[in-house]
Structures are given as C-alpha cells and as structure tokens.
PDB file of all heavy atoms in Angstrom:
ATOM      1  N   TYR A   1     -31.612 -15.681   1.253  1.00  0.00           N
ATOM      2  CA  TYR A   1     -30.484 -16.192   2.029  1.00  0.00           C
ATOM      3  C   TYR A   1     -29.523 -15.091   2.459  1.00  0.00           C
ATOM      4  O   TYR A   1     -28.587 -15.357   3.212  1.00  0.00           O
ATOM      5  CB  TYR A   1     -29.719 -17.231   1.202  1.00  0.00           C
ATOM      6  CG  TYR A   1     -30.514 -18.479   0.910  1.00  0.00           C
ATOM      7  CD1 TYR A   1     -31.168 -18.630  -0.308  1.00  0.00           C
ATOM      8  CD2 TYR A   1     -30.623 -19.499   1.852  1.00  0.00           C
ATOM      9  CE1 TYR A   1     -31.903 -19.780  -0.586  1.00  0.00           C
ATOM     10  CE2 TYR A   1     -31.355 -20.642   1.587  1.00  0.00           C
ATOM     11  CZ  TYR A   1     -31.995 -20.777   0.364  1.00  0.00           C
ATOM     12  OH  TYR A   1     -32.725 -21.906   0.103  1.00  0.00           O
ATOM     13  N   LEU A   2     -29.728 -13.886   2.001  1.00  0.00           N
ATOM     14  CA  LEU A   2     -28.806 -12.807   2.336  1.00  0.00           C
ATOM     15  C   LEU A   2     -29.071 -12.307   3.754  1.00  0.00           C
ATOM     16  O   LEU A   2     -30.212 -12.239   4.197  1.00  0.00           O
ATOM     17  CB  LEU A   2     -28.949 -11.659   1.339  1.00  0.00           C
ATOM     18  CG  LEU A   2     -28.552 -11.977  -0.096  1.00  0.00           C
ATOM     19  CD1 LEU A   2     -28.827 -10.775  -0.993  1.00  0.00           C
ATOM     20  CD2 LEU A   2     -27.090 -12.382  -0.188  1.00  0.00           C
ATOM     21  N   PRO A   3     -28.012 -11.961   4.479  1.00  0.00           N
ATOM     22  CA  PRO A   3     -28.200 -11.450   5.844  1.00  0.00           C
ATOM     23  C   PRO A   3     -28.879 -10.092   5.832  1.00  0.00           C
ATOM     24  O   PRO A   3     -28.841  -9.361   4.834  1.00  0.00           O
ATOM     25  CB  PRO A   3     -26.767 -11.347   6.379  1.00  0.00           C
ATOM     26  CG  PRO A   3     -25.921 -11.199   5.155  1.00  0.00           C
ATOM     27  CD  PRO A   3     -26.602 -12.004   4.091  1.00  0.00           C
ATOM     28  N   LEU A   4     -29.513  -9.747   6.951  1.00  0.00           N
ATOM     29  CA  LEU A   4     -30.182  -8.457   7.077  1.00  0.00           C
ATOM     30  C   LEU A   4     -29.249  -7.430   7.711  1.00  0.00           C
ATOM     31  O   LEU A   4     -28.490  -7.740   8.617  1.00  0.00           O
ATOM     32  CB  LEU A   4     -31.448  -8.605   7.928  1.00  0.00           C
ATOM     33  CG  LEU A   4     -32.549  -9.501   7.357  1.00  0.00           C
ATOM     34  CD1 LEU A   4     -33.691  -9.604   8.355  1.00  0.00           C
ATOM     35  CD2 LEU A   4     -33.039  -8.966   6.020  1.00  0.00           C
ATOM     36  N   TRP A   5     -29.309  -6.213   7.230  1.00  0.00           N
ATOM     37  CA  TRP A   5     -28.546  -5.104   7.800  1.00  0.00           C
ATOM     38  C   TRP A   5     -29.493  -4.276   8.674  1.00  0.00           C
ATOM     39  O   TRP A   5     -30.351  -3.553   8.173  1.00  0.00           O
ATOM     40  CB  TRP A   5     -27.961  -4.233   6.689  1.00  0.00           C
ATOM     41  CG  TRP A   5     -26.629  -4.719   6.191  1.00  0.00           C
ATOM     42  CD1 TRP A   5     -25.404  -4.184   6.474  1.00  0.00           C
ATOM     43  CD2 TRP A   5     -26.383  -5.824   5.319  1.00  0.00           C
ATOM     44  NE1 TRP A   5     -24.422  -4.904   5.846  1.00  0.00           N
ATOM     45  CE2 TRP A   5     -24.989  -5.921   5.131  1.00  0.00           C
ATOM     46  CE3 TRP A   5     -27.199  -6.771   4.694  1.00  0.00           C
ATOM     47  CZ2 TRP A   5     -24.396  -6.901   4.341  1.00  0.00           C
ATOM     48  CZ3 TRP A   5     -26.603  -7.752   3.920  1.00  0.00           C
ATOM     49  CH2 TRP A   5     -25.224  -7.806   3.746  1.00  0.00           C
ATOM     50  N   GLN A   6     -29.369  -4.435   9.983  1.00  0.00           N
ATOM     51  CA  GLN A   6     -30.218  -3.711  10.909  1.00  0.00           C
ATOM     52  C   GLN A   6     -29.732  -2.270  11.071  1.00  0.00           C
ATOM     53  O   GLN A   6     -28.541  -1.981  10.939  1.00  0.00           O
ATOM     54  CB  GLN A   6     -30.218  -4.404  12.280  1.00  0.00           C
ATOM     55  CG  GLN A   6     -30.658  -5.858  12.249  1.00  0.00           C
ATOM     56  CD  GLN A   6     -32.135  -6.033  11.943  1.00  0.00           C
ATOM     57  OE1 GLN A   6     -32.903  -5.077  12.020  1.00  0.00           O
ATOM     58  NE2 GLN A   6     -32.532  -7.252  11.613  1.00  0.00           N
ATOM     59  N   ALA A   7     -30.650  -1.372  11.380  1.00  0.00           N
ATOM     60  CA  ALA A   7     -30.301   0.044  11.528  1.00  0.00           C
ATOM     61  C   ALA A   7     -29.278   0.267  12.643  1.00  0.00           C
ATOM     62  O   ALA A   7     -28.454   1.175  12.573  1.00  0.00           O
ATOM     63  CB  ALA A   7     -31.550   0.876  11.790  1.00  0.00           C
ATOM     64  N   LYS A   8     -29.314  -0.553  13.671  1.00  0.00           N
ATOM     65  CA  LYS A   8     -28.419  -0.382  14.818  1.00  0.00           C
ATOM     66  C   LYS A   8     -27.104  -1.153  14.659  1.00  0.00           C
ATOM     67  O   LYS A   8     -26.349  -1.305  15.610  1.00  0.00           O
ATOM     68  CB  LYS A   8     -29.112  -0.841  16.087  1.00  0.00           C
ATOM     69  CG  LYS A   8     -29.490  -2.319  16.083  1.00  0.00           C
ATOM     70  CD  LYS A   8     -30.178  -2.716  17.384  1.00  0.00           C
ATOM     71  CE  LYS A   8     -30.539  -4.206  17.370  1.00  0.00           C
ATOM     72  NZ  LYS A   8     -31.209  -4.609  18.624  1.00  0.00           N
ATOM     73  N   SER A   9     -26.814  -1.632  13.446  1.00  0.00           N
ATOM     74  CA  SER A   9     -25.636  -2.465  13.220  1.00  0.00           C
ATOM     75  C   SER A   9     -24.339  -1.686  13.406  1.00  0.00           C
ATOM     76  O   SER A   9     -24.283  -0.463  13.233  1.00  0.00           O
ATOM     77  CB  SER A   9     -25.663  -3.047  11.802  1.00  0.00           C
ATOM     78  OG  SER A   9     -26.791  -3.866  11.614  1.00  0.00           O
ATOM     79  N   HIS A  10     -23.275  -2.422  13.733  1.00  0.00           N
ATOM     80  CA  HIS A  10     -21.916  -1.872  13.709  1.00  0.00           C
ATOM     81  C   HIS A  10     -21.031  -2.851  12.942  1.00  0.00           C
ATOM     82  O   HIS A  10     -21.450  -3.982  12.636  1.00  0.00           O
ATOM     83  CB  HIS A  10     -21.384  -1.636  15.124  1.00  0.00           C
ATOM     84  CG  HIS A  10     -21.366  -2.869  15.984  1.00  0.00           C
ATOM     85  ND1 HIS A  10     -20.336  -3.793  15.950  1.00  0.00           N
ATOM     86  CD2 HIS A  10     -22.259  -3.338  16.890  1.00  0.00           C
ATOM     87  CE1 HIS A  10     -20.579  -4.757  16.807  1.00  0.00           C
ATOM     88  NE2 HIS A  10     -21.745  -4.510  17.390  1.00  0.00           N
ATOM     89  N   LYS A  11     -19.818  -2.449  12.620  1.00  0.00           N
ATOM     90  CA  LYS A  11     -18.989  -3.253  11.727  1.00  0.00           C
ATOM     91  C   LYS A  11     -18.678  -4.639  12.289  1.00  0.00           C
ATOM     92  O   LYS A  11     -18.455  -5.588  11.524  1.00  0.00           O
ATOM     93  CB  LYS A  11     -17.696  -2.522  11.381  1.00  0.00           C
ATOM     94  CG  LYS A  11     -16.805  -2.172  12.557  1.00  0.00           C
ATOM     95  CD  LYS A  11     -15.662  -1.274  12.108  1.00  0.00           C
ATOM     96  CE  LYS A  11     -14.819  -0.814  13.302  1.00  0.00           C
ATOM     97  NZ  LYS A  11     -13.779   0.164  12.879  1.00  0.00           N
ATOM     98  N   GLY A  12     -18.687  -4.771  13.613  1.00  0.00           N
ATOM     99  CA  GLY A  12     -18.458  -6.077  14.193  1.00  0.00           C
ATOM    100  C   GLY A  12     -19.533  -7.086  13.859  1.00  0.00           C
ATOM    101  O   GLY A  12     -19.298  -8.298  13.911  1.00  0.00           O
ATOM    102  N   ASP A  13     -20.725  -6.603  13.498  1.00  0.00           N
ATOM    103  CA  ASP A  13     -21.815  -7.498  13.128  1.00  0.00           C
ATOM    104  C   ASP A  13     -21.583  -8.165  11.779  1.00  0.00           C
ATOM    105  O   ASP A  13     -22.271  -9.127  11.431  1.00  0.00           O
ATOM    106  CB  ASP A  13     -23.144  -6.729  13.060  1.00  0.00           C
ATOM    107  CG  ASP A  13     -23.593  -6.231  14.422  1.00  0.00           C
ATOM    108  OD1 ASP A  13     -23.309  -6.907  15.427  1.00  0.00           O
ATOM    109  OD2 ASP A  13     -24.218  -5.149  14.473  1.00  0.00           O
ATOM    110  N   PHE A  14     -20.642  -7.636  11.021  1.00  0.00           N
ATOM    111  CA  PHE A  14     -20.458  -8.122   9.652  1.00  0.00           C
ATOM    112  C   PHE A  14     -19.105  -8.776   9.429  1.00  0.00           C
ATOM    113  O   PHE A  14     -18.690  -8.998   8.298  1.00  0.00           O
ATOM    114  CB  PHE A  14     -20.694  -6.972   8.665  1.00  0.00           C
ATOM    115  CG  PHE A  14     -22.051  -6.352   8.847  1.00  0.00           C
ATOM    116  CD1 PHE A  14     -22.182  -5.053   9.273  1.00  0.00           C
ATOM    117  CD2 PHE A  14     -23.201  -7.099   8.638  1.00  0.00           C
ATOM    118  CE1 PHE A  14     -23.431  -4.490   9.472  1.00  0.00           C
ATOM    119  CE2 PHE A  14     -24.459  -6.540   8.832  1.00  0.00           C
ATOM    120  CZ  PHE A  14     -24.577  -5.240   9.249  1.00  0.00           C
ATOM    121  N   GLY A  15     -18.438  -9.114  10.521  1.00  0.00           N
ATOM    122  CA  GLY A  15     -17.290  -9.985  10.426  1.00  0.00           C
ATOM    123  C   GLY A  15     -16.008  -9.334   9.948  1.00  0.00           C
ATOM    124  O   GLY A  15     -15.992  -8.243   9.382  1.00  0.00           O
ATOM    125  N   HIS A  16     -14.923 -10.040  10.226  1.00  0.00           N
ATOM    126  CA  HIS A  16     -13.597  -9.634   9.766  1.00  0.00           C
ATOM    127  C   HIS A  16     -13.115 -10.711   8.801  1.00  0.00           C
ATOM    128  O   HIS A  16     -12.864 -11.848   9.189  1.00  0.00           O
ATOM    129  CB  HIS A  16     -12.640  -9.503  10.947  1.00  0.00           C
ATOM    130  CG  HIS A  16     -11.343  -8.848  10.608  1.00  0.00           C
ATOM    131  ND1 HIS A  16     -10.543  -8.238  11.556  1.00  0.00           N
ATOM    132  CD2 HIS A  16     -10.689  -8.699   9.420  1.00  0.00           C
ATOM    133  CE1 HIS A  16      -9.469  -7.740  10.972  1.00  0.00           C
ATOM    134  NE2 HIS A  16      -9.532  -8.022   9.669  1.00  0.00           N
ATOM    135  N   THR A  17     -13.015 -10.337   7.537  1.00  0.00           N
ATOM    136  CA  THR A  17     -12.622 -11.256   6.474  1.00  0.00           C
ATOM    137  C   THR A  17     -11.158 -11.030   6.115  1.00  0.00           C
ATOM    138  O   THR A  17     -10.710  -9.889   5.998  1.00  0.00           O
ATOM    139  CB  THR A  17     -13.503 -11.050   5.231  1.00  0.00           C
ATOM    140  OG1 THR A  17     -14.854 -11.408   5.555  1.00  0.00           O
ATOM    141  CG2 THR A  17     -13.035 -11.897   4.070  1.00  0.00           C
ATOM    142  N   VAL A  18     -10.432 -12.126   5.930  1.00  0.00           N
ATOM    143  CA  VAL A  18      -9.016 -12.061   5.555  1.00  0.00           C
ATOM    144  C   VAL A  18      -8.861 -12.584   4.134  1.00  0.00           C
ATOM    145  O   VAL A  18      -9.409 -13.629   3.774  1.00  0.00           O
ATOM    146  CB  VAL A  18      -8.151 -12.889   6.527  1.00  0.00           C
ATOM    147  CG1 VAL A  18      -6.689 -12.898   6.070  1.00  0.00           C
ATOM    148  CG2 VAL A  18      -8.261 -12.331   7.945  1.00  0.00           C
ATOM    149  N   ILE A  19      -8.113 -11.843   3.328  1.00  0.00           N
ATOM    150  CA  ILE A  19      -7.829 -12.238   1.950  1.00  0.00           C
ATOM    151  C   ILE A  19      -6.331 -12.518   1.834  1.00  0.00           C
ATOM    152  O   ILE A  19      -5.511 -11.615   2.038  1.00  0.00           O
ATOM    153  CB  ILE A  19      -8.216 -11.133   0.950  1.00  0.00           C
ATOM    154  CG1 ILE A  19      -9.669 -10.685   1.141  1.00  0.00           C
ATOM    155  CG2 ILE A  19      -7.955 -11.595  -0.484  1.00  0.00           C
ATOM    156  CD1 ILE A  19     -10.704 -11.724   0.800  1.00  0.00           C
ATOM    157  N   VAL A  20      -5.972 -13.751   1.551  1.00  0.00           N
ATOM    158  CA  VAL A  20      -4.568 -14.147   1.368  1.00  0.00           C
ATOM    159  C   VAL A  20      -4.338 -14.236  -0.130  1.00  0.00           C
ATOM    160  O   VAL A  20      -4.808 -15.174  -0.790  1.00  0.00           O
ATOM    161  CB  VAL A  20      -4.276 -15.486   2.054  1.00  0.00           C
ATOM    162  CG1 VAL A  20      -2.794 -15.835   1.928  1.00  0.00           C
ATOM    163  CG2 VAL A  20      -4.688 -15.439   3.523  1.00  0.00           C
ATOM    164  N   ALA A  21      -3.627 -13.253  -0.661  1.00  0.00           N
ATOM    165  CA  ALA A  21      -3.562 -13.143  -2.118  1.00  0.00           C
ATOM    166  C   ALA A  21      -2.376 -12.290  -2.544  1.00  0.00           C
ATOM    167  O   ALA A  21      -1.779 -11.573  -1.743  1.00  0.00           O
ATOM    168  CB  ALA A  21      -4.863 -12.539  -2.660  1.00  0.00           C
ATOM    169  N   GLY A  22      -2.070 -12.374  -3.831  1.00  0.00           N
ATOM    170  CA  GLY A  22      -1.076 -11.494  -4.417  1.00  0.00           C
ATOM    171  C   GLY A  22       0.331 -12.059  -4.431  1.00  0.00           C
ATOM    172  O   GLY A  22       0.708 -12.905  -3.629  1.00  0.00           O
ATOM    173  N   SER A  23       1.111 -11.576  -5.363  1.00  0.00           N
ATOM    174  CA  SER A  23       2.531 -11.866  -5.489  1.00  0.00           C
ATOM    175  C   SER A  23       3.114 -10.790  -6.404  1.00  0.00           C
ATOM    176  O   SER A  23       2.372  -9.942  -6.928  1.00  0.00           O
ATOM    177  CB  SER A  23       2.774 -13.264  -6.071  1.00  0.00           C
ATOM    178  OG  SER A  23       2.199 -13.385  -7.358  1.00  0.00           O
ATOM    179  N   ARG A  24       4.418 -10.792  -6.567  1.00  0.00           N
ATOM    180  CA  ARG A  24       5.027  -9.776  -7.416  1.00  0.00           C
ATOM    181  C   ARG A  24       4.427  -9.839  -8.823  1.00  0.00           C
ATOM    182  O   ARG A  24       4.410 -10.883  -9.461  1.00  0.00           O
ATOM    183  CB  ARG A  24       6.540  -9.984  -7.486  1.00  0.00           C
ATOM    184  CG  ARG A  24       7.281  -8.902  -8.262  1.00  0.00           C
ATOM    185  CD  ARG A  24       8.772  -9.180  -8.298  1.00  0.00           C
ATOM    186  NE  ARG A  24       9.327  -9.221  -6.944  1.00  0.00           N
ATOM    187  CZ  ARG A  24      10.292 -10.065  -6.572  1.00  0.00           C
ATOM    188  NH1 ARG A  24      10.760 -10.955  -7.431  1.00  0.00           N
ATOM    189  NH2 ARG A  24      10.761 -10.014  -5.336  1.00  0.00           N
ATOM    190  N   GLY A  25       3.897  -8.726  -9.290  1.00  0.00           N
ATOM    191  CA  GLY A  25       3.260  -8.667 -10.600  1.00  0.00           C
ATOM    192  C   GLY A  25       1.784  -8.990 -10.588  1.00  0.00           C
ATOM    193  O   GLY A  25       1.102  -8.824 -11.600  1.00  0.00           O
ATOM    194  N   LYS A  26       1.255  -9.449  -9.459  1.00  0.00           N
ATOM    195  CA  LYS A  26      -0.155  -9.819  -9.368  1.00  0.00           C
ATOM    196  C   LYS A  26      -0.795  -9.224  -8.120  1.00  0.00           C
ATOM    197  O   LYS A  26      -1.667  -9.836  -7.493  1.00  0.00           O
ATOM    198  CB  LYS A  26      -0.311 -11.339  -9.380  1.00  0.00           C
ATOM    199  CG  LYS A  26       0.161 -11.976 -10.686  1.00  0.00           C
ATOM    200  CD  LYS A  26       0.000 -13.477 -10.654  1.00  0.00           C
ATOM    201  CE  LYS A  26       0.473 -14.110 -11.956  1.00  0.00           C
ATOM    202  NZ  LYS A  26       0.373 -15.586 -11.925  1.00  0.00           N
ATOM    203  N   SER A  27      -0.379  -8.022  -7.760  1.00  0.00           N
ATOM    204  CA  SER A  27      -0.954  -7.368  -6.586  1.00  0.00           C
ATOM    205  C   SER A  27      -2.407  -6.986  -6.817  1.00  0.00           C
ATOM    206  O   SER A  27      -3.201  -6.920  -5.873  1.00  0.00           O
ATOM    207  CB  SER A  27      -0.136  -6.117  -6.230  1.00  0.00           C
ATOM    208  OG  SER A  27      -0.055  -5.228  -7.337  1.00  0.00           O
ATOM    209  N   GLY A  28      -2.783  -6.738  -8.064  1.00  0.00           N
ATOM    210  CA  GLY A  28      -4.159  -6.345  -8.363  1.00  0.00           C
ATOM    211  C   GLY A  28      -5.174  -7.395  -7.988  1.00  0.00           C
ATOM    212  O   GLY A  28      -6.298  -7.075  -7.599  1.00  0.00           O
ATOM    213  N   ALA A  29      -4.797  -8.676  -8.083  1.00  0.00           N
ATOM    214  CA  ALA A  29      -5.725  -9.745  -7.726  1.00  0.00           C
ATOM    215  C   ALA A  29      -6.134  -9.647  -6.262  1.00  0.00           C
ATOM    216  O   ALA A  29      -7.296  -9.860  -5.909  1.00  0.00           O
ATOM    217  CB  ALA A  29      -5.078 -11.104  -8.008  1.00  0.00           C
ATOM    218  N   ALA A  30      -5.169  -9.311  -5.415  1.00  0.00           N
ATOM    219  CA  ALA A  30      -5.467  -9.174  -3.984  1.00  0.00           C
ATOM    220  C   ALA A  30      -6.432  -8.028  -3.736  1.00  0.00           C
ATOM    221  O   ALA A  30      -7.377  -8.150  -2.944  1.00  0.00           O
ATOM    222  CB  ALA A  30      -4.166  -8.956  -3.210  1.00  0.00           C
ATOM    223  N   VAL A  31      -6.209  -6.913  -4.406  1.00  0.00           N
ATOM    224  CA  VAL A  31      -7.041  -5.728  -4.183  1.00  0.00           C
ATOM    225  C   VAL A  31      -8.442  -5.927  -4.759  1.00  0.00           C
ATOM    226  O   VAL A  31      -9.435  -5.510  -4.148  1.00  0.00           O
ATOM    227  CB  VAL A  31      -6.370  -4.488  -4.787  1.00  0.00           C
ATOM    228  CG1 VAL A  31      -7.252  -3.263  -4.623  1.00  0.00           C
ATOM    229  CG2 VAL A  31      -5.014  -4.255  -4.140  1.00  0.00           C
ATOM    230  N   LEU A  32      -8.546  -6.567  -5.908  1.00  0.00           N
ATOM    231  CA  LEU A  32      -9.866  -6.839  -6.473  1.00  0.00           C
ATOM    232  C   LEU A  32     -10.698  -7.706  -5.536  1.00  0.00           C
ATOM    233  O   LEU A  32     -11.879  -7.437  -5.283  1.00  0.00           O
ATOM    234  CB  LEU A  32      -9.725  -7.535  -7.832  1.00  0.00           C
ATOM    235  CG  LEU A  32      -9.354  -6.649  -9.015  1.00  0.00           C
ATOM    236  CD1 LEU A  32      -8.974  -7.518 -10.214  1.00  0.00           C
ATOM    237  CD2 LEU A  32     -10.512  -5.730  -9.387  1.00  0.00           C
ATOM    238  N   SER A  33     -10.074  -8.747  -5.002  1.00  0.00           N
ATOM    239  CA  SER A  33     -10.790  -9.653  -4.115  1.00  0.00           C
ATOM    240  C   SER A  33     -11.179  -8.964  -2.809  1.00  0.00           C
ATOM    241  O   SER A  33     -12.324  -9.060  -2.349  1.00  0.00           O
ATOM    242  CB  SER A  33      -9.918 -10.880  -3.829  1.00  0.00           C
ATOM    243  OG  SER A  33     -10.634 -11.858  -3.120  1.00  0.00           O
ATOM    244  N   ALA A  34     -10.236  -8.242  -2.209  1.00  0.00           N
ATOM    245  CA  ALA A  34     -10.513  -7.568  -0.937  1.00  0.00           C
ATOM    246  C   ALA A  34     -11.511  -6.430  -1.120  1.00  0.00           C
ATOM    247  O   ALA A  34     -12.380  -6.211  -0.268  1.00  0.00           O
ATOM    248  CB  ALA A  34      -9.211  -7.042  -0.342  1.00  0.00           C
ATOM    249  N   GLY A  35     -11.391  -5.692  -2.214  1.00  0.00           N
ATOM    250  CA  GLY A  35     -12.346  -4.614  -2.479  1.00  0.00           C
ATOM    251  C   GLY A  35     -13.754  -5.142  -2.650  1.00  0.00           C
ATOM    252  O   GLY A  35     -14.728  -4.527  -2.195  1.00  0.00           O
ATOM    253  N   ALA A  36     -13.879  -6.308  -3.288  1.00  0.00           N
ATOM    254  CA  ALA A  36     -15.192  -6.925  -3.451  1.00  0.00           C
ATOM    255  C   ALA A  36     -15.767  -7.346  -2.101  1.00  0.00           C
ATOM    256  O   ALA A  36     -16.971  -7.233  -1.865  1.00  0.00           O
ATOM    257  CB  ALA A  36     -15.087  -8.136  -4.371  1.00  0.00           C
ATOM    258  N   ALA A  37     -14.901  -7.823  -1.201  1.00  0.00           N
ATOM    259  CA  ALA A  37     -15.370  -8.210   0.132  1.00  0.00           C
ATOM    260  C   ALA A  37     -15.944  -7.010   0.870  1.00  0.00           C
ATOM    261  O   ALA A  37     -16.994  -7.100   1.521  1.00  0.00           O
ATOM    262  CB  ALA A  37     -14.225  -8.840   0.926  1.00  0.00           C
ATOM    263  N   LEU A  38     -15.284  -5.870   0.771  1.00  0.00           N
ATOM    264  CA  LEU A  38     -15.814  -4.650   1.385  1.00  0.00           C
ATOM    265  C   LEU A  38     -17.147  -4.264   0.758  1.00  0.00           C
ATOM    266  O   LEU A  38     -18.115  -3.939   1.452  1.00  0.00           O
ATOM    267  CB  LEU A  38     -14.821  -3.500   1.220  1.00  0.00           C
ATOM    268  CG  LEU A  38     -13.675  -3.397   2.215  1.00  0.00           C
ATOM    269  CD1 LEU A  38     -12.763  -2.238   1.833  1.00  0.00           C
ATOM    270  CD2 LEU A  38     -14.182  -3.203   3.638  1.00  0.00           C
ATOM    271  N   ARG A  39     -17.188  -4.299  -0.554  1.00  0.00           N
ATOM    272  CA  ARG A  39     -18.410  -3.896  -1.270  1.00  0.00           C
ATOM    273  C   ARG A  39     -19.573  -4.832  -0.951  1.00  0.00           C
ATOM    274  O   ARG A  39     -20.740  -4.412  -0.939  1.00  0.00           O
ATOM    275  CB  ARG A  39     -18.133  -3.880  -2.771  1.00  0.00           C
ATOM    276  CG  ARG A  39     -19.230  -3.265  -3.619  1.00  0.00           C
ATOM    277  CD  ARG A  39     -19.373  -1.772  -3.366  1.00  0.00           C
ATOM    278  NE  ARG A  39     -20.414  -1.195  -4.176  1.00  0.00           N
ATOM    279  CZ  ARG A  39     -20.223  -0.647  -5.387  1.00  0.00           C
ATOM    280  NH1 ARG A  39     -18.997  -0.628  -5.907  1.00  0.00           N
ATOM    281  NH2 ARG A  39     -21.211  -0.141  -6.068  1.00  0.00           N
TER     282      ARG A  39
END
C-alpha cells in the first residue's frame, strides 16, 4: 500500500503536509510530529 518513489520525482509529488500542534511547554510535540512527516 505504500506509494512508489520514482527516480524523476520532485517534492511536489509527495504533498504538502500541515501539522497543527504545540503550546507553551509542549513545543517538542509539534517538532516530533512534523519531523516524522518529513522522515
């Protein structure tokens, strides 16, 4: 079920994901989630 990464791909092929997260004292949650999306 995983998408294929073609050799000719560019970043637009893999979407723009938005992470709405974090608050004072919990900024790490936002970065963990967003970093995982990149990875």
